[in-house]
Amino acid sequence: MESKNFILVKLLLLLHYLSLFCASQDFDFFYFVQQWPGSYCDTQKNCCYPTSGKPDADFGIHGLWPNYNDGSYPSNCDPSNPFNPSQISDLRSSLQNNWPTLACPSGDGMTFWSHEWNKHGTCSESVLKQHDYFEAALSLRQKANILKALTSAGIEPNGGSYSLSSIKGAIKDAIGYTPFIECNVDSSGNSQLYQVYLCVNNSGSDFIECSVFPHGKCDSEIQFPSFYA
């Protein structure tokens, strides 16, 4: 009969091989997701501003998520390569401005960024190492100015209601690709603009048309709540 120690060693080796397999597996594209802070804070009872101060009234990065064309996605692919703050020290100021945390308790963003790298970023490390991953997201944020696209079309974050089709159309006209709009519901039960998904090629460099959209739907008319800086 095998000893308990030998069985434990075999299990650890198996987990190691599985983690290497997962980390090296391919994916088809990224979802690049930006969220509107006004909708997050209008819905979440525990919205807290970052320790660096209240973020700008602008869309902030939520994540850059590897996905498959069948709608599934990998996650937590490489536990042996956890988030390392020293690797993004030169990006910290830009991350605080463009990828702010709104979770409670208030934080400096490290917990948020750590979660995103450990869950999603490790699944893209065959093409993007940690610094490259966050740098790619920041670059995409500069290419996809969602707020400018909407306000240029007269869609303002003033609590008013706008057609879902007009919001999608304004973003596609400005950026060139069809977005997916995710809504949440405020305390009064109103559907509101929450997150915007755009698809990115599997090198993380350029936007592409989405082969599949996430599940979920919005009302035909949705609110765009304010978020005063």
Protein backbone atom coordinates (compact mmCIF):
# COMPACT_ATOMS: atom_id res chain seq x y z
CA MET A 1 0.00 0.00 0.00
CA GLU A 2 1.33 3.42 -0.91
CA SER A 3 2.35 5.59 2.01
CA LYS A 4 0.39 8.76 2.73
CA ASN A 5 3.49 10.86 1.99
CA PHE A 6 3.93 9.22 -1.42
CA ILE A 7 0.30 9.81 -2.30
CA LEU A 8 0.62 13.44 -1.21
CA VAL A 9 3.68 13.90 -3.43
CA LYS A 10 1.80 12.43 -6.40
CA LEU A 11 -1.13 14.76 -5.81
CA LEU A 12 1.16 17.78 -5.60
CA LEU A 13 2.88 16.80 -8.85
CA LEU A 14 -0.49 16.35 -10.53
CA LEU A 15 -1.63 19.80 -9.40
CA HIS A 16 1.63 21.27 -10.66
CA TYR A 17 1.22 19.71 -14.10
CA LEU A 18 -2.40 20.81 -14.27
CA SER A 19 -1.44 24.38 -13.40
CA LEU A 20 1.24 24.38 -16.11
CA PHE A 21 -1.26 23.05 -18.63
CA CYS A 22 -3.82 25.66 -17.71
CA ALA A 23 -1.26 28.48 -17.83
CA SER A 24 -0.11 27.47 -21.28
CA GLN A 25 -3.49 26.88 -22.88
CA ASP A 26 -4.57 29.15 -25.67
CA PHE A 27 -7.53 31.51 -25.67
CA ASP A 28 -9.34 33.21 -28.52
CA PHE A 29 -9.75 36.85 -27.52
CA PHE A 30 -10.01 39.26 -24.61
CA TYR A 31 -12.97 41.15 -23.24
CA PHE A 32 -11.82 44.64 -22.33
CA VAL A 33 -14.30 45.88 -19.75
CA GLN A 34 -14.83 49.42 -18.51
CA GLN A 35 -17.29 50.38 -15.77
CA TRP A 36 -19.15 53.57 -14.97
CA PRO A 37 -18.50 54.51 -11.31
CA GLY A 38 -21.83 56.26 -10.96
CA SER A 39 -23.68 53.00 -11.63
CA TYR A 40 -21.42 50.97 -9.35
CA CYS A 41 -21.92 53.37 -6.45
CA ASP A 42 -25.61 53.89 -7.20
CA THR A 43 -26.21 50.17 -6.76
CA GLN A 44 -23.59 48.83 -4.38
CA LYS A 45 -24.28 49.63 -0.75
CA ASN A 46 -20.59 49.34 0.06
CA CYS A 47 -19.04 51.67 -2.54
CA CYS A 48 -15.85 53.24 -1.17
CA TYR A 49 -13.52 55.69 -2.85
CA PRO A 50 -9.82 54.82 -3.21
CA THR A 51 -7.36 56.03 -0.60
CA SER A 52 -5.90 58.23 -3.35
CA GLY A 53 -9.18 60.15 -3.53
CA LYS A 54 -12.47 60.06 -5.40
CA PRO A 55 -11.91 58.88 -8.98
CA ASP A 56 -12.73 61.04 -11.98
CA ALA A 57 -16.24 61.00 -13.38
CA ASP A 58 -15.12 58.72 -16.18
CA PHE A 59 -15.23 55.09 -17.18
CA GLY A 60 -12.57 53.08 -15.37
CA ILE A 61 -11.03 49.76 -16.32
CA HIS A 62 -12.58 46.69 -14.73
CA GLY A 63 -10.45 44.10 -16.48
CA LEU A 64 -8.88 42.45 -19.48
CA TRP A 65 -10.31 38.94 -19.57
CA PRO A 66 -9.21 36.03 -21.80
CA ASN A 67 -12.16 34.21 -23.37
CA TYR A 68 -13.01 31.41 -25.77
CA ASN A 69 -15.23 31.68 -28.83
CA ASP A 70 -17.74 29.26 -27.26
CA GLY A 71 -18.42 31.78 -24.48
CA SER A 72 -16.43 30.03 -21.76
CA TYR A 73 -13.25 31.38 -20.21
CA PRO A 74 -10.19 30.20 -18.29
CA SER A 75 -9.42 31.46 -14.79
CA ASN A 76 -6.77 31.24 -12.09
CA CYS A 77 -4.38 29.58 -14.49
CA ASP A 78 -1.04 29.88 -12.72
CA PRO A 79 -0.97 29.95 -8.89
CA SER A 80 2.83 29.79 -9.09
CA ASN A 81 2.94 33.31 -10.56
CA PRO A 82 0.90 35.55 -8.25
CA PHE A 83 0.57 39.31 -8.51
CA ASN A 84 3.82 41.12 -7.71
CA PRO A 85 3.39 44.87 -7.01
CA SER A 86 7.03 45.59 -7.78
CA GLN A 87 6.48 44.62 -11.41
CA ILE A 88 3.99 47.44 -12.01
CA SER A 89 5.55 50.14 -9.83
CA ASP A 90 6.10 52.42 -12.83
CA LEU A 91 2.43 52.06 -13.83
CA ARG A 92 0.93 52.67 -10.40
CA SER A 93 -0.07 56.30 -10.90
CA SER A 94 -1.69 55.56 -14.26
CA LEU A 95 -3.46 52.53 -12.82
CA GLN A 96 -4.85 54.60 -9.95
CA ASN A 97 -6.25 57.10 -12.46
CA ASN A 98 -7.57 54.64 -15.04
CA TRP A 99 -8.20 51.44 -13.05
CA PRO A 100 -9.53 52.69 -9.69
CA THR A 101 -11.03 50.46 -7.03
CA LEU A 102 -14.50 51.20 -5.65
CA ALA A 103 -14.73 48.22 -3.31
CA CYS A 104 -14.89 48.55 0.46
CA PRO A 105 -12.92 49.04 2.54
CA SER A 106 -11.03 51.81 0.78
CA GLY A 107 -7.76 50.70 -0.73
CA ASP A 108 -4.90 51.76 -2.95
CA GLY A 109 -5.93 49.47 -5.80
CA MET A 110 -3.49 46.65 -5.10
CA THR A 111 -6.18 44.19 -3.98
CA PHE A 112 -8.24 44.88 -7.11
CA TRP A 113 -5.29 44.58 -9.47
CA SER A 114 -4.06 41.47 -7.69
CA HIS A 115 -7.44 39.80 -8.17
CA GLU A 116 -7.53 40.70 -11.85
CA TRP A 117 -4.03 39.39 -12.51
CA ASN A 118 -4.43 36.19 -10.50
CA LYS A 119 -7.83 35.30 -11.97
CA HIS A 120 -7.51 36.59 -15.53
CA GLY A 121 -4.01 37.81 -16.26
CA THR A 122 -2.30 34.51 -15.48
CA CYS A 123 -4.36 32.93 -18.25
CA SER A 124 -2.76 35.24 -20.81
CA GLU A 125 0.85 35.03 -19.64
CA SER A 126 1.83 33.01 -22.72
CA VAL A 127 1.59 36.36 -24.57
CA LEU A 128 1.52 38.99 -21.81
CA LYS A 129 3.66 38.94 -18.70
CA GLN A 130 2.38 40.85 -15.68
CA HIS A 131 3.75 44.28 -16.62
CA ASP A 132 2.70 43.80 -20.25
CA TYR A 133 -0.81 42.80 -19.16
CA PHE A 134 -1.46 45.98 -17.21
CA GLU A 135 0.30 48.13 -19.80
CA ALA A 136 -1.89 46.63 -22.53
CA ALA A 137 -5.05 47.45 -20.58
CA LEU A 138 -3.93 51.04 -20.07
CA SER A 139 -3.15 51.37 -23.78
CA LEU A 140 -6.59 50.04 -24.71
CA ARG A 141 -8.17 52.52 -22.31
CA GLN A 142 -6.52 55.35 -24.24
CA LYS A 143 -7.85 53.97 -27.53
CA ALA A 144 -11.41 53.53 -26.24
CA ASN A 145 -12.63 56.71 -24.61
CA ILE A 146 -16.19 55.63 -23.87
CA LEU A 147 -17.29 58.82 -22.13
CA LYS A 148 -16.10 61.00 -25.01
CA ALA A 149 -17.88 58.72 -27.49
CA LEU A 150 -21.15 59.06 -25.58
CA THR A 151 -21.03 62.77 -24.76
CA SER A 152 -20.09 63.61 -28.35
CA ALA A 153 -23.38 61.97 -29.32
CA GLY A 154 -25.33 63.95 -26.72
CA ILE A 155 -25.51 61.08 -24.23
CA GLU A 156 -24.61 62.69 -20.91
CA PRO A 157 -24.18 61.21 -17.41
CA ASN A 158 -26.95 63.35 -15.95
CA GLY A 159 -29.44 60.75 -14.76
CA GLY A 160 -31.38 60.88 -17.99
CA SER A 161 -32.63 57.90 -19.99
CA TYR A 162 -31.28 56.97 -23.40
CA SER A 163 -32.07 54.21 -25.83
CA LEU A 164 -29.79 51.21 -25.66
CA SER A 165 -29.42 51.32 -29.43
CA SER A 166 -28.21 54.93 -29.36
CA ILE A 167 -25.57 54.09 -26.73
CA LYS A 168 -24.30 51.14 -28.75
CA GLY A 169 -24.35 53.19 -31.92
CA ALA A 170 -22.41 56.08 -30.40
CA ILE A 171 -19.66 53.76 -29.16
CA LYS A 172 -19.42 51.86 -32.43
CA ASP A 173 -19.30 55.09 -34.44
CA ALA A 174 -16.44 56.44 -32.30
CA ILE A 175 -14.37 53.29 -31.79
CA GLY A 176 -15.33 51.23 -34.81
CA TYR A 177 -16.51 48.05 -33.10
CA THR A 178 -19.77 46.81 -31.64
CA PRO A 179 -19.85 46.91 -27.84
CA PHE A 180 -21.77 44.80 -25.38
CA ILE A 181 -23.57 46.87 -22.75
CA GLU A 182 -24.08 45.47 -19.26
CA CYS A 183 -26.70 47.06 -17.05
CA ASN A 184 -27.41 46.95 -13.36
CA VAL A 185 -30.39 48.20 -11.40
CA ASP A 186 -30.50 51.17 -9.03
CA SER A 187 -32.35 51.31 -5.74
CA SER A 188 -35.52 52.37 -7.55
CA GLY A 189 -35.40 49.44 -9.97
CA ASN A 190 -34.22 51.43 -12.97
CA SER A 191 -31.96 49.74 -15.51
CA GLN A 192 -28.77 51.75 -15.90
CA LEU A 193 -25.57 51.77 -17.92
CA TYR A 194 -22.97 49.89 -15.90
CA GLN A 195 -20.23 48.28 -18.01
CA VAL A 196 -19.05 48.36 -21.61
CA TYR A 197 -17.36 45.32 -23.16
CA LEU A 198 -15.17 45.51 -26.25
CA CYS A 199 -13.35 42.57 -27.79
CA VAL A 200 -9.59 42.54 -28.30
CA ASN A 201 -7.34 40.17 -30.25
CA ASN A 202 -5.42 37.56 -28.28
CA SER A 203 -2.24 39.61 -28.31
CA GLY A 204 -4.03 42.36 -26.38
CA SER A 205 -3.14 45.02 -28.94
CA ASP A 206 -6.16 45.82 -31.12
CA PHE A 207 -9.93 45.81 -30.96
CA ILE A 208 -11.89 43.29 -33.01
CA GLU A 209 -15.54 42.44 -33.57
CA CYS A 210 -16.85 40.10 -30.89
CA SER A 211 -17.51 36.48 -31.85
CA VAL A 212 -19.72 36.04 -28.81
CA PHE A 213 -21.26 38.36 -26.24
CA PRO A 214 -21.77 37.74 -22.52
CA HIS A 215 -25.16 36.74 -21.18
CA GLY A 216 -27.49 39.39 -19.83
CA LYS A 217 -29.62 42.15 -21.25
CA CYS A 218 -30.66 45.74 -20.62
CA ASP A 219 -33.99 47.47 -21.01
CA SER A 220 -34.51 49.27 -24.31
CA GLU A 221 -34.22 52.57 -22.40
CA ILE A 222 -31.54 52.85 -19.72
CA GLN A 223 -30.37 55.55 -17.37
CA PHE A 224 -26.91 57.09 -17.35
CA PRO A 225 -26.50 58.21 -13.71
CA SER A 226 -24.30 61.07 -12.65
CA PHE A 227 -21.06 60.75 -10.73
CA TYR A 228 -19.76 64.10 -9.62
CA ALA A 229 -15.99 64.37 -9.24
